[in-house]
Amino acid sequence: MIRPEKIERFLRHHGWDDAKTEKINSDASNRKYTRLFKKQNTSILMDSDPTTNESIENFIYFTNQLRKQKFSAPKIYGQDICNGLLLLEDLGSDSFANILKSKPHLENHIYQEAINQLIEIRKNKIPHLTRKYDLKILLQEAVLFSEWYLSPLRASYESSHLLKILRVSLQETLKQDTTLVLRDYHAENLMWLPDRRNNRRVGLLDYQDALAGNPAYDIASLLKDARREVPKKLQEELIKYFLKKTNLDHAVFSRDYSILSAQRNLKIIGIFSRLSIRDNKSGYLDLIPRVWKNLQDDLKHPSLNELSEFIKSNSPQPTLENLGKLFKA
């Protein structure tokens, strides 16, 4: 049976086969999303073709766990694990990114709500099947920078030296108590649901790759956004607020925040380069200069002096000429 027929059968089984449809942007993922309309009701079809190696089992697991803890992950109305199909609650179109285009005055308020949600997540137990965000994974992600950004630009560098520098820094971040880290906690993936109460006012969309790790990671994901600029003053206020509410050590958190933000930004530059080179999605190259700027801000922390020197000596800046080479690679 071809895939459209599998989808039609799935929708028919759940009473949505005659619904009107609207495609939803799925960003860098291979998963596809469609909004379904039937009378006064809507729902979301998630299509995660198993041949793309994006299983829906983790999504189902973390959805159920987050909902048990009273967070606004979407309800699951129907599932077909073998064919990678889910019928989900529609949380609407008001992502943080969308709503701030028309209502910029809400920025401080909704970002504080996002921080409150991370505080609440930290208070809850980490789901028992959650894997650790360990050194191996952190380094594997950071290596994407050298494989897909440095190498295509023919930069002269020792990859083993970069790994050695990162290993020393990242090991320090593994010494803190862990929390559930959603990993893609940013304005495109957070929905504003003002009619709900408390932490449920922030809807969650992308958490299937969640791991148990340092609480600074999701803060960095939120405030050092690859797609939108979060004002520096607001970043500082929200970090101060988070530390006050959690009683975490300011100096330790500041170090871990800078290290993990740098790791994340190296990974993102590598992923965006790969999307252009391998997947012919060159539009992501336009985002690299902002990520590079975030990285340079991370590297100001004294704990990252060695990494800063490495980047300065070995990594070409994302000029138009260099980004063009990534497009042609």
C-alpha atoms as a PDB file:
ATOM      1  CA  MET A   1       0.000   0.000   0.000  1.00  0.00           C
ATOM      2  CA  ILE A   2       1.434   3.392  -1.001  1.00  0.00           C
ATOM      3  CA  ARG A   3       1.782   6.089   1.667  1.00  0.00           C
ATOM      4  CA  PRO A   4      -1.195   8.294   0.650  1.00  0.00           C
ATOM      5  CA  GLU A   5      -3.443   5.248   0.949  1.00  0.00           C
ATOM      6  CA  LYS A   6      -2.064   4.472   4.434  1.00  0.00           C
ATOM      7  CA  ILE A   7      -2.760   8.038   5.513  1.00  0.00           C
ATOM      8  CA  GLU A   8      -6.268   7.958   4.045  1.00  0.00           C
ATOM      9  CA  ARG A   9      -7.024   4.705   5.851  1.00  0.00           C
ATOM     10  CA  PHE A  10      -5.703   6.119   9.137  1.00  0.00           C
ATOM     11  CA  LEU A  11      -7.820   9.266   8.831  1.00  0.00           C
ATOM     12  CA  ARG A  12     -10.897   7.272   7.836  1.00  0.00           C
ATOM     13  CA  HIS A  13     -10.466   5.059  10.894  1.00  0.00           C
ATOM     14  CA  HIS A  14     -10.539   8.133  13.135  1.00  0.00           C
ATOM     15  CA  GLY A  15     -13.325   9.924  11.259  1.00  0.00           C
ATOM     16  CA  TRP A  16     -11.194  12.607   9.577  1.00  0.00           C
ATOM     17  CA  ASP A  17     -11.023  11.268   6.006  1.00  0.00           C
ATOM     18  CA  ASP A  18     -13.329  13.943   4.578  1.00  0.00           C
ATOM     19  CA  ALA A  19     -11.664  16.868   6.382  1.00  0.00           C
ATOM     20  CA  LYS A  20     -10.326  19.955   4.638  1.00  0.00           C
ATOM     21  CA  THR A  21      -6.560  20.245   4.882  1.00  0.00           C
ATOM     22  CA  GLU A  22      -3.888  22.907   5.326  1.00  0.00           C
ATOM     23  CA  LYS A  23      -0.158  22.161   5.145  1.00  0.00           C
ATOM     24  CA  ILE A  24       1.995  23.379   8.042  1.00  0.00           C
ATOM     25  CA  ASN A  25       5.677  24.261   7.737  1.00  0.00           C
ATOM     26  CA  SER A  26       7.740  21.437   9.272  1.00  0.00           C
ATOM     27  CA  ASP A  27      11.033  23.357   9.381  1.00  0.00           C
ATOM     28  CA  ALA A  28      14.180  21.184   9.116  1.00  0.00           C
ATOM     29  CA  SER A  29      12.498  17.936  10.083  1.00  0.00           C
ATOM     30  CA  ASN A  30      11.438  15.190   7.689  1.00  0.00           C
ATOM     31  CA  ARG A  31       8.163  14.999   9.575  1.00  0.00           C
ATOM     32  CA  LYS A  32       5.169  16.531   7.804  1.00  0.00           C
ATOM     33  CA  TYR A  33       2.251  18.275   9.490  1.00  0.00           C
ATOM     34  CA  THR A  34      -1.239  18.967   8.183  1.00  0.00           C
ATOM     35  CA  ARG A  35      -4.038  20.869   9.901  1.00  0.00           C
ATOM     36  CA  LEU A  36      -7.408  19.158   9.442  1.00  0.00           C
ATOM     37  CA  PHE A  37     -10.738  21.003   9.469  1.00  0.00           C
ATOM     38  CA  LYS A  38     -14.080  19.290  10.028  1.00  0.00           C
ATOM     39  CA  LYS A  39     -17.148  21.343  10.915  1.00  0.00           C
ATOM     40  CA  GLN A  40     -16.085  23.398  13.963  1.00  0.00           C
ATOM     41  CA  ASN A  41     -13.235  21.063  14.896  1.00  0.00           C
ATOM     42  CA  THR A  42      -9.563  20.923  13.989  1.00  0.00           C
ATOM     43  CA  SER A  43      -6.748  18.485  14.578  1.00  0.00           C
ATOM     44  CA  ILE A  44      -3.169  17.949  13.409  1.00  0.00           C
ATOM     45  CA  LEU A  45      -1.884  15.024  11.355  1.00  0.00           C
ATOM     46  CA  MET A  46       1.759  14.194  12.021  1.00  0.00           C
ATOM     47  CA  ASP A  47       3.251  12.158   9.175  1.00  0.00           C
ATOM     48  CA  SER A  48       6.618  10.676  10.131  1.00  0.00           C
ATOM     49  CA  ASP A  49       7.489   8.187   7.412  1.00  0.00           C
ATOM     50  CA  PRO A  50       9.414   5.288   9.079  1.00  0.00           C
ATOM     51  CA  THR A  51      11.773   5.140   6.088  1.00  0.00           C
ATOM     52  CA  THR A  52      13.219   8.514   7.205  1.00  0.00           C
ATOM     53  CA  ASN A  53      14.284   6.996  10.554  1.00  0.00           C
ATOM     54  CA  GLU A  54      12.219   9.462  12.570  1.00  0.00           C
ATOM     55  CA  SER A  55      10.254   7.186  14.907  1.00  0.00           C
ATOM     56  CA  ILE A  56       7.183   8.569  16.671  1.00  0.00           C
ATOM     57  CA  GLU A  57       7.615   6.373  19.756  1.00  0.00           C
ATOM     58  CA  ASN A  58       9.726   8.924  21.632  1.00  0.00           C
ATOM     59  CA  PHE A  59       7.184  11.621  20.809  1.00  0.00           C
ATOM     60  CA  ILE A  60       4.371   9.478  22.200  1.00  0.00           C
ATOM     61  CA  TYR A  61       6.344   8.637  25.335  1.00  0.00           C
ATOM     62  CA  PHE A  62       7.303  12.214  26.199  1.00  0.00           C
ATOM     63  CA  THR A  63       3.850  13.522  25.269  1.00  0.00           C
ATOM     64  CA  ASN A  64       2.270  11.168  27.783  1.00  0.00           C
ATOM     65  CA  GLN A  65       4.857  12.000  30.437  1.00  0.00           C
ATOM     66  CA  LEU A  66       4.518  15.762  30.013  1.00  0.00           C
ATOM     67  CA  ARG A  67       0.734  15.577  30.068  1.00  0.00           C
ATOM     68  CA  LYS A  68       0.848  13.518  33.287  1.00  0.00           C
ATOM     69  CA  GLN A  69       2.857  16.373  34.775  1.00  0.00           C
ATOM     70  CA  LYS A  70       0.177  18.856  33.625  1.00  0.00           C
ATOM     71  CA  PHE A  71       2.126  20.512  30.805  1.00  0.00           C
ATOM     72  CA  SER A  72       0.468  21.560  27.536  1.00  0.00           C
ATOM     73  CA  ALA A  73       1.735  18.873  25.211  1.00  0.00           C
ATOM     74  CA  PRO A  74      -0.950  18.038  22.610  1.00  0.00           C
ATOM     75  CA  LYS A  75      -3.458  15.294  23.287  1.00  0.00           C
ATOM     76  CA  ILE A  76      -3.017  12.213  21.118  1.00  0.00           C
ATOM     77  CA  TYR A  77      -6.326  11.299  19.462  1.00  0.00           C
ATOM     78  CA  GLY A  78      -5.011   8.423  17.368  1.00  0.00           C
ATOM     79  CA  GLN A  79      -1.760   6.633  16.554  1.00  0.00           C
ATOM     80  CA  ASP A  80      -0.310   4.195  14.040  1.00  0.00           C
ATOM     81  CA  ILE A  81       3.243   3.530  15.189  1.00  0.00           C
ATOM     82  CA  CYS A  82       4.128   1.105  12.378  1.00  0.00           C
ATOM     83  CA  ASN A  83       3.306   3.718   9.734  1.00  0.00           C
ATOM     84  CA  GLY A  84       4.485   6.751  11.705  1.00  0.00           C
ATOM     85  CA  LEU A  85       1.115   8.512  11.912  1.00  0.00           C
ATOM     86  CA  LEU A  86      -0.384  10.538  14.757  1.00  0.00           C
ATOM     87  CA  LEU A  87      -3.606  12.505  15.112  1.00  0.00           C
ATOM     88  CA  LEU A  88      -2.981  15.339  17.569  1.00  0.00           C
ATOM     89  CA  GLU A  89      -4.726  18.141  19.392  1.00  0.00           C
ATOM     90  CA  ASP A  90      -4.415  21.442  17.518  1.00  0.00           C
ATOM     91  CA  LEU A  91      -2.690  23.981  19.779  1.00  0.00           C
ATOM     92  CA  GLY A  92      -3.324  26.749  17.257  1.00  0.00           C
ATOM     93  CA  SER A  93      -1.020  28.994  15.237  1.00  0.00           C
ATOM     94  CA  ASP A  94       0.148  31.433  17.927  1.00  0.00           C
ATOM     95  CA  SER A  95       3.740  30.346  18.329  1.00  0.00           C
ATOM     96  CA  PHE A  96       5.882  32.818  20.237  1.00  0.00           C
ATOM     97  CA  ALA A  97       7.536  33.728  16.937  1.00  0.00           C
ATOM     98  CA  ASN A  98       4.204  34.422  15.221  1.00  0.00           C
ATOM     99  CA  ILE A  99       2.470  36.307  17.995  1.00  0.00           C
ATOM    100  CA  LEU A 100       5.431  38.608  18.639  1.00  0.00           C
ATOM    101  CA  LYS A 101       5.267  39.844  15.049  1.00  0.00           C
ATOM    102  CA  SER A 102       1.898  41.467  15.771  1.00  0.00           C
ATOM    103  CA  LYS A 103       2.148  41.905  19.548  1.00  0.00           C
ATOM    104  CA  PRO A 104       5.773  42.736  20.396  1.00  0.00           C
ATOM    105  CA  HIS A 105       4.657  44.236  23.718  1.00  0.00           C
ATOM    106  CA  LEU A 106       4.058  40.669  24.980  1.00  0.00           C
ATOM    107  CA  GLU A 107       7.712  39.681  24.643  1.00  0.00           C
ATOM    108  CA  ASN A 108       8.791  40.104  28.268  1.00  0.00           C
ATOM    109  CA  HIS A 109       5.619  38.468  29.575  1.00  0.00           C
ATOM    110  CA  ILE A 110       5.581  35.353  27.442  1.00  0.00           C
ATOM    111  CA  TYR A 111       9.322  34.764  27.755  1.00  0.00           C
ATOM    112  CA  GLN A 112       8.971  34.861  31.531  1.00  0.00           C
ATOM    113  CA  GLU A 113       6.167  32.312  31.191  1.00  0.00           C
ATOM    114  CA  ALA A 114       8.552  30.120  29.187  1.00  0.00           C
ATOM    115  CA  ILE A 115      11.128  30.406  31.986  1.00  0.00           C
ATOM    116  CA  ASN A 116       8.432  29.538  34.544  1.00  0.00           C
ATOM    117  CA  GLN A 117       7.716  26.387  32.586  1.00  0.00           C
ATOM    118  CA  LEU A 118      11.368  25.327  32.745  1.00  0.00           C
ATOM    119  CA  ILE A 119      11.302  25.951  36.493  1.00  0.00           C
ATOM    120  CA  GLU A 120       8.247  23.684  36.788  1.00  0.00           C
ATOM    121  CA  ILE A 121       9.811  21.005  34.595  1.00  0.00           C
ATOM    122  CA  ARG A 122      12.826  21.038  36.899  1.00  0.00           C
ATOM    123  CA  LYS A 123      10.561  20.410  39.904  1.00  0.00           C
ATOM    124  CA  ASN A 124       9.192  17.226  38.343  1.00  0.00           C
ATOM    125  CA  LYS A 125      10.865  13.850  38.167  1.00  0.00           C
ATOM    126  CA  ILE A 126      12.707  13.039  34.959  1.00  0.00           C
ATOM    127  CA  PRO A 127      10.754  10.314  33.087  1.00  0.00           C
ATOM    128  CA  HIS A 128      12.524   7.042  33.816  1.00  0.00           C
ATOM    129  CA  LEU A 129      13.188   6.062  30.186  1.00  0.00           C
ATOM    130  CA  THR A 130      14.991   9.353  29.451  1.00  0.00           C
ATOM    131  CA  ARG A 131      18.561   8.888  28.239  1.00  0.00           C
ATOM    132  CA  LYS A 132      21.369  11.038  29.637  1.00  0.00           C
ATOM    133  CA  TYR A 133      22.690  14.006  27.691  1.00  0.00           C
ATOM    134  CA  ASP A 134      26.172  12.621  28.148  1.00  0.00           C
ATOM    135  CA  LEU A 135      29.598  13.662  26.901  1.00  0.00           C
ATOM    136  CA  LYS A 136      29.438  11.332  23.890  1.00  0.00           C
ATOM    137  CA  ILE A 137      26.243  12.943  22.569  1.00  0.00           C
ATOM    138  CA  LEU A 138      27.443  16.489  23.296  1.00  0.00           C
ATOM    139  CA  LEU A 139      30.678  15.889  21.375  1.00  0.00           C
ATOM    140  CA  GLN A 140      28.952  14.115  18.488  1.00  0.00           C
ATOM    141  CA  GLU A 141      26.725  17.150  18.052  1.00  0.00           C
ATOM    142  CA  ALA A 142      29.559  19.667  18.237  1.00  0.00           C
ATOM    143  CA  VAL A 143      31.578  17.724  15.643  1.00  0.00           C
ATOM    144  CA  LEU A 144      28.898  18.627  13.080  1.00  0.00           C
ATOM    145  CA  PHE A 145      30.521  22.075  13.054  1.00  0.00           C
ATOM    146  CA  SER A 146      33.854  20.719  11.829  1.00  0.00           C
ATOM    147  CA  GLU A 147      32.340  18.156   9.452  1.00  0.00           C
ATOM    148  CA  TRP A 148      29.867  20.426   7.675  1.00  0.00           C
ATOM    149  CA  TYR A 149      31.151  23.983   8.185  1.00  0.00           C
ATOM    150  CA  LEU A 150      34.927  23.894   8.605  1.00  0.00           C
ATOM    151  CA  SER A 151      35.754  21.040   6.226  1.00  0.00           C
ATOM    152  CA  PRO A 152      33.801  22.358   3.204  1.00  0.00           C
ATOM    153  CA  LEU A 153      35.494  25.724   3.655  1.00  0.00           C
ATOM    154  CA  ARG A 154      38.832  23.939   3.573  1.00  0.00           C
ATOM    155  CA  ALA A 155      39.856  25.414   6.864  1.00  0.00           C
ATOM    156  CA  SER A 156      43.201  24.239   8.242  1.00  0.00           C
ATOM    157  CA  TYR A 157      42.616  22.785  11.688  1.00  0.00           C
ATOM    158  CA  GLU A 158      43.135  19.759  13.899  1.00  0.00           C
ATOM    159  CA  SER A 159      39.746  18.196  14.602  1.00  0.00           C
ATOM    160  CA  SER A 160      41.235  16.204  17.478  1.00  0.00           C
ATOM    161  CA  HIS A 161      42.348  19.473  19.086  1.00  0.00           C
ATOM    162  CA  LEU A 162      38.834  20.892  18.844  1.00  0.00           C
ATOM    163  CA  LEU A 163      37.418  17.755  20.483  1.00  0.00           C
ATOM    164  CA  LYS A 164      40.012  17.948  23.257  1.00  0.00           C
ATOM    165  CA  ILE A 165      39.073  21.562  24.026  1.00  0.00           C
ATOM    166  CA  LEU A 166      35.354  20.795  24.014  1.00  0.00           C
ATOM    167  CA  ARG A 167      35.751  17.658  26.118  1.00  0.00           C
ATOM    168  CA  VAL A 168      37.416  19.546  28.956  1.00  0.00           C
ATOM    169  CA  SER A 169      34.751  22.270  28.969  1.00  0.00           C
ATOM    170  CA  LEU A 170      31.731  20.013  28.554  1.00  0.00           C
ATOM    171  CA  GLN A 171      32.817  17.658  31.328  1.00  0.00           C
ATOM    172  CA  GLU A 172      32.352  20.521  33.784  1.00  0.00           C
ATOM    173  CA  THR A 173      28.702  20.913  32.799  1.00  0.00           C
ATOM    174  CA  LEU A 174      27.982  17.246  33.569  1.00  0.00           C
ATOM    175  CA  LYS A 175      28.661  17.719  37.285  1.00  0.00           C
ATOM    176  CA  GLN A 176      25.344  19.490  38.002  1.00  0.00           C
ATOM    177  CA  ASP A 177      21.991  17.983  38.939  1.00  0.00           C
ATOM    178  CA  THR A 178      20.042  17.111  35.803  1.00  0.00           C
ATOM    179  CA  THR A 179      16.586  17.999  34.572  1.00  0.00           C
ATOM    180  CA  LEU A 180      14.476  17.022  31.564  1.00  0.00           C
ATOM    181  CA  VAL A 181      16.010  18.947  28.658  1.00  0.00           C
ATOM    182  CA  LEU A 182      13.592  19.402  25.736  1.00  0.00           C
ATOM    183  CA  ARG A 183      16.498  20.580  23.492  1.00  0.00           C
ATOM    184  CA  ASP A 184      14.542  22.642  20.921  1.00  0.00           C
ATOM    185  CA  TYR A 185      12.927  25.027  23.369  1.00  0.00           C
ATOM    186  CA  HIS A 186      12.614  28.225  21.335  1.00  0.00           C
ATOM    187  CA  ALA A 187      10.101  30.675  19.859  1.00  0.00           C
ATOM    188  CA  GLU A 188       9.129  28.529  16.854  1.00  0.00           C
ATOM    189  CA  ASN A 189       8.237  25.558  19.054  1.00  0.00           C
ATOM    190  CA  LEU A 190       6.431  27.298  21.921  1.00  0.00           C
ATOM    191  CA  MET A 191       2.730  28.123  21.620  1.00  0.00           C
ATOM    192  CA  TRP A 192       1.028  30.943  23.501  1.00  0.00           C
ATOM    193  CA  LEU A 193      -2.191  29.670  25.115  1.00  0.00           C
ATOM    194  CA  PRO A 194      -3.361  32.608  27.293  1.00  0.00           C
ATOM    195  CA  ASP A 195      -6.715  31.028  28.172  1.00  0.00           C
ATOM    196  CA  ARG A 196      -5.013  28.230  30.084  1.00  0.00           C
ATOM    197  CA  ARG A 197      -3.752  28.469  33.665  1.00  0.00           C
ATOM    198  CA  ASN A 198      -0.269  28.564  35.173  1.00  0.00           C
ATOM    199  CA  ASN A 199       2.473  26.735  33.256  1.00  0.00           C
ATOM    200  CA  ARG A 200      -0.143  25.347  30.825  1.00  0.00           C
ATOM    201  CA  ARG A 201      -0.159  28.735  29.081  1.00  0.00           C
ATOM    202  CA  VAL A 202       2.921  27.603  27.148  1.00  0.00           C
ATOM    203  CA  GLY A 203       2.208  24.842  24.635  1.00  0.00           C
ATOM    204  CA  LEU A 204       4.955  22.411  23.643  1.00  0.00           C
ATOM    205  CA  LEU A 205       5.518  20.984  20.168  1.00  0.00           C
ATOM    206  CA  ASP A 206       9.040  19.610  19.738  1.00  0.00           C
ATOM    207  CA  TYR A 207      10.386  17.406  22.508  1.00  0.00           C
ATOM    208  CA  GLN A 208      10.758  13.913  21.067  1.00  0.00           C
ATOM    209  CA  ASP A 209      14.561  14.142  21.430  1.00  0.00           C
ATOM    210  CA  ALA A 210      14.435  15.104  25.125  1.00  0.00           C
ATOM    211  CA  LEU A 211      17.328  14.002  27.342  1.00  0.00           C
ATOM    212  CA  ALA A 212      18.335  14.300  30.984  1.00  0.00           C
ATOM    213  CA  GLY A 213      20.884  17.089  31.192  1.00  0.00           C
ATOM    214  CA  ASN A 214      22.013  20.426  32.547  1.00  0.00           C
ATOM    215  CA  PRO A 215      19.200  22.975  33.126  1.00  0.00           C
ATOM    216  CA  ALA A 216      21.246  25.677  31.393  1.00  0.00           C
ATOM    217  CA  TYR A 217      20.762  24.023  27.997  1.00  0.00           C
ATOM    218  CA  ASP A 218      17.093  24.894  27.452  1.00  0.00           C
ATOM    219  CA  ILE A 219      17.671  28.409  28.790  1.00  0.00           C
ATOM    220  CA  ALA A 220      20.339  28.848  26.100  1.00  0.00           C
ATOM    221  CA  SER A 221      18.004  27.365  23.486  1.00  0.00           C
ATOM    222  CA  LEU A 222      15.331  29.906  24.422  1.00  0.00           C
ATOM    223  CA  LEU A 223      17.464  33.029  24.781  1.00  0.00           C
ATOM    224  CA  LYS A 224      20.143  32.407  22.111  1.00  0.00           C
ATOM    225  CA  ASP A 225      17.556  31.717  19.412  1.00  0.00           C
ATOM    226  CA  ALA A 226      18.844  31.009  15.911  1.00  0.00           C
ATOM    227  CA  ARG A 227      15.785  32.608  14.302  1.00  0.00           C
ATOM    228  CA  ARG A 228      15.025  35.720  16.339  1.00  0.00           C
ATOM    229  CA  GLU A 229      16.969  38.201  18.415  1.00  0.00           C
ATOM    230  CA  VAL A 230      16.137  38.230  22.128  1.00  0.00           C
ATOM    231  CA  PRO A 231      17.202  41.603  23.597  1.00  0.00           C
ATOM    232  CA  LYS A 232      20.327  41.340  25.734  1.00  0.00           C
ATOM    233  CA  LYS A 233      18.667  43.132  28.649  1.00  0.00           C
ATOM    234  CA  LEU A 234      15.763  40.669  28.599  1.00  0.00           C
ATOM    235  CA  GLN A 235      18.193  37.736  28.491  1.00  0.00           C
ATOM    236  CA  GLU A 236      19.961  39.028  31.588  1.00  0.00           C
ATOM    237  CA  GLU A 237      16.703  39.691  33.457  1.00  0.00           C
ATOM    238  CA  LEU A 238      15.349  36.224  32.716  1.00  0.00           C
ATOM    239  CA  ILE A 239      18.547  34.469  33.769  1.00  0.00           C
ATOM    240  CA  LYS A 240      18.537  36.471  37.010  1.00  0.00           C
ATOM    241  CA  TYR A 241      14.881  35.508  37.530  1.00  0.00           C
ATOM    242  CA  PHE A 242      15.588  31.810  36.856  1.00  0.00           C
ATOM    243  CA  LEU A 243      18.498  31.769  39.313  1.00  0.00           C
ATOM    244  CA  LYS A 244      16.444  33.490  42.000  1.00  0.00           C
ATOM    245  CA  LYS A 245      13.649  30.927  41.644  1.00  0.00           C
ATOM    246  CA  THR A 246      15.950  27.886  41.561  1.00  0.00           C
ATOM    247  CA  ASN A 247      18.729  28.958  43.980  1.00  0.00           C
ATOM    248  CA  LEU A 248      21.380  27.717  41.559  1.00  0.00           C
ATOM    249  CA  ASP A 249      24.904  29.045  41.958  1.00  0.00           C
ATOM    250  CA  HIS A 250      25.259  32.098  39.694  1.00  0.00           C
ATOM    251  CA  ALA A 251      28.928  31.568  38.764  1.00  0.00           C
ATOM    252  CA  VAL A 252      28.491  27.868  37.984  1.00  0.00           C
ATOM    253  CA  PHE A 253      25.326  28.484  35.984  1.00  0.00           C
ATOM    254  CA  SER A 254      26.956  31.317  34.021  1.00  0.00           C
ATOM    255  CA  ARG A 255      29.849  29.040  33.076  1.00  0.00           C
ATOM    256  CA  ASP A 256      27.607  26.108  32.116  1.00  0.00           C
ATOM    257  CA  TYR A 257      25.260  28.399  30.204  1.00  0.00           C
ATOM    258  CA  SER A 258      28.119  29.786  28.103  1.00  0.00           C
ATOM    259  CA  ILE A 259      29.648  26.356  27.465  1.00  0.00           C
ATOM    260  CA  LEU A 260      26.383  24.669  26.489  1.00  0.00           C
ATOM    261  CA  SER A 261      25.256  27.637  24.418  1.00  0.00           C
ATOM    262  CA  ALA A 262      28.568  27.489  22.535  1.00  0.00           C
ATOM    263  CA  GLN A 263      28.148  23.741  22.005  1.00  0.00           C
ATOM    264  CA  ARG A 264      24.603  24.290  20.761  1.00  0.00           C
ATOM    265  CA  ASN A 265      25.611  27.072  18.395  1.00  0.00           C
ATOM    266  CA  LEU A 266      28.463  25.012  16.947  1.00  0.00           C
ATOM    267  CA  LYS A 267      25.964  22.200  16.384  1.00  0.00           C
ATOM    268  CA  ILE A 268      23.428  24.521  14.749  1.00  0.00           C
ATOM    269  CA  ILE A 269      25.996  26.002  12.360  1.00  0.00           C
ATOM    270  CA  GLY A 270      26.914  22.444  11.399  1.00  0.00           C
ATOM    271  CA  ILE A 271      23.278  21.395  10.941  1.00  0.00           C
ATOM    272  CA  PHE A 272      22.380  24.466   8.859  1.00  0.00           C
ATOM    273  CA  SER A 273      25.448  23.851   6.671  1.00  0.00           C
ATOM    274  CA  ARG A 274      24.473  20.209   6.261  1.00  0.00           C
ATOM    275  CA  LEU A 275      20.913  21.163   5.318  1.00  0.00           C
ATOM    276  CA  SER A 276      22.320  23.250   2.479  1.00  0.00           C
ATOM    277  CA  ILE A 277      25.014  20.854   1.288  1.00  0.00           C
ATOM    278  CA  ARG A 278      23.260  17.519   1.723  1.00  0.00           C
ATOM    279  CA  ASP A 279      19.562  18.366   1.590  1.00  0.00           C
ATOM    280  CA  ASN A 280      19.573  21.327  -0.808  1.00  0.00           C
ATOM    281  CA  LYS A 281      17.892  23.586   1.787  1.00  0.00           C
ATOM    282  CA  SER A 282      20.093  26.631   1.300  1.00  0.00           C
ATOM    283  CA  GLY A 283      17.688  29.004   3.055  1.00  0.00           C
ATOM    284  CA  TYR A 284      19.177  27.954   6.394  1.00  0.00           C
ATOM    285  CA  LEU A 285      22.474  29.586   5.439  1.00  0.00           C
ATOM    286  CA  ASP A 286      20.799  32.972   6.003  1.00  0.00           C
ATOM    287  CA  LEU A 287      20.467  32.109   9.695  1.00  0.00           C
ATOM    288  CA  ILE A 288      24.119  31.262  10.272  1.00  0.00           C
ATOM    289  CA  PRO A 289      25.324  34.878  10.836  1.00  0.00           C
ATOM    290  CA  ARG A 290      22.952  35.257  13.821  1.00  0.00           C
ATOM    291  CA  VAL A 291      24.107  31.920  15.245  1.00  0.00           C
ATOM    292  CA  TRP A 292      27.720  33.005  14.706  1.00  0.00           C
ATOM    293  CA  LYS A 293      27.000  36.209  16.628  1.00  0.00           C
ATOM    294  CA  ASN A 294      25.525  34.169  19.476  1.00  0.00           C
ATOM    295  CA  LEU A 295      28.616  31.969  19.460  1.00  0.00           C
ATOM    296  CA  GLN A 296      30.929  34.982  19.676  1.00  0.00           C
ATOM    297  CA  ASP A 297      28.946  36.186  22.687  1.00  0.00           C
ATOM    298  CA  ASP A 298      29.340  32.764  24.346  1.00  0.00           C
ATOM    299  CA  LEU A 299      33.090  32.796  23.779  1.00  0.00           C
ATOM    300  CA  LYS A 300      33.508  35.913  25.930  1.00  0.00           C
ATOM    301  CA  HIS A 301      33.238  33.772  29.063  1.00  0.00           C
ATOM    302  CA  PRO A 302      36.681  33.133  30.642  1.00  0.00           C
ATOM    303  CA  SER A 303      36.075  29.374  30.743  1.00  0.00           C
ATOM    304  CA  LEU A 304      36.024  29.347  26.934  1.00  0.00           C
ATOM    305  CA  ASN A 305      39.270  31.211  26.234  1.00  0.00           C
ATOM    306  CA  GLU A 306      40.880  28.193  24.594  1.00  0.00           C
ATOM    307  CA  LEU A 307      37.856  27.499  22.389  1.00  0.00           C
ATOM    308  CA  SER A 308      37.714  31.193  21.515  1.00  0.00           C
ATOM    309  CA  GLU A 309      41.337  31.122  20.343  1.00  0.00           C
ATOM    310  CA  PHE A 310      40.685  27.990  18.297  1.00  0.00           C
ATOM    311  CA  ILE A 311      37.677  29.528  16.549  1.00  0.00           C
ATOM    312  CA  LYS A 312      39.527  32.772  15.940  1.00  0.00           C
ATOM    313  CA  SER A 313      42.533  30.961  14.427  1.00  0.00           C
ATOM    314  CA  ASN A 314      40.815  28.199  12.474  1.00  0.00           C
ATOM    315  CA  SER A 315      37.246  29.082  11.571  1.00  0.00           C
ATOM    316  CA  PRO A 316      36.340  31.324   8.617  1.00  0.00           C
ATOM    317  CA  GLN A 317      33.611  33.832   9.400  1.00  0.00           C
ATOM    318  CA  PRO A 318      30.226  33.374   7.679  1.00  0.00           C
ATOM    319  CA  THR A 319      30.737  36.017   5.025  1.00  0.00           C
ATOM    320  CA  LEU A 320      28.631  35.985   1.871  1.00  0.00           C
ATOM    321  CA  GLU A 321      31.567  34.461   0.025  1.00  0.00           C
ATOM    322  CA  ASN A 322      32.018  31.639   2.529  1.00  0.00           C
ATOM    323  CA  LEU A 323      28.309  30.923   2.777  1.00  0.00           C
ATOM    324  CA  GLY A 324      28.277  30.723  -1.006  1.00  0.00           C
ATOM    325  CA  LYS A 325      30.842  27.942  -0.826  1.00  0.00           C
ATOM    326  CA  LEU A 326      28.528  25.991   1.451  1.00  0.00           C
ATOM    327  CA  PHE A 327      25.777  26.409  -1.103  1.00  0.00           C
ATOM    328  CA  LYS A 328      27.970  25.061  -3.898  1.00  0.00           C
ATOM    329  CA  ALA A 329      29.663  22.293  -1.939  1.00  0.00           C
END
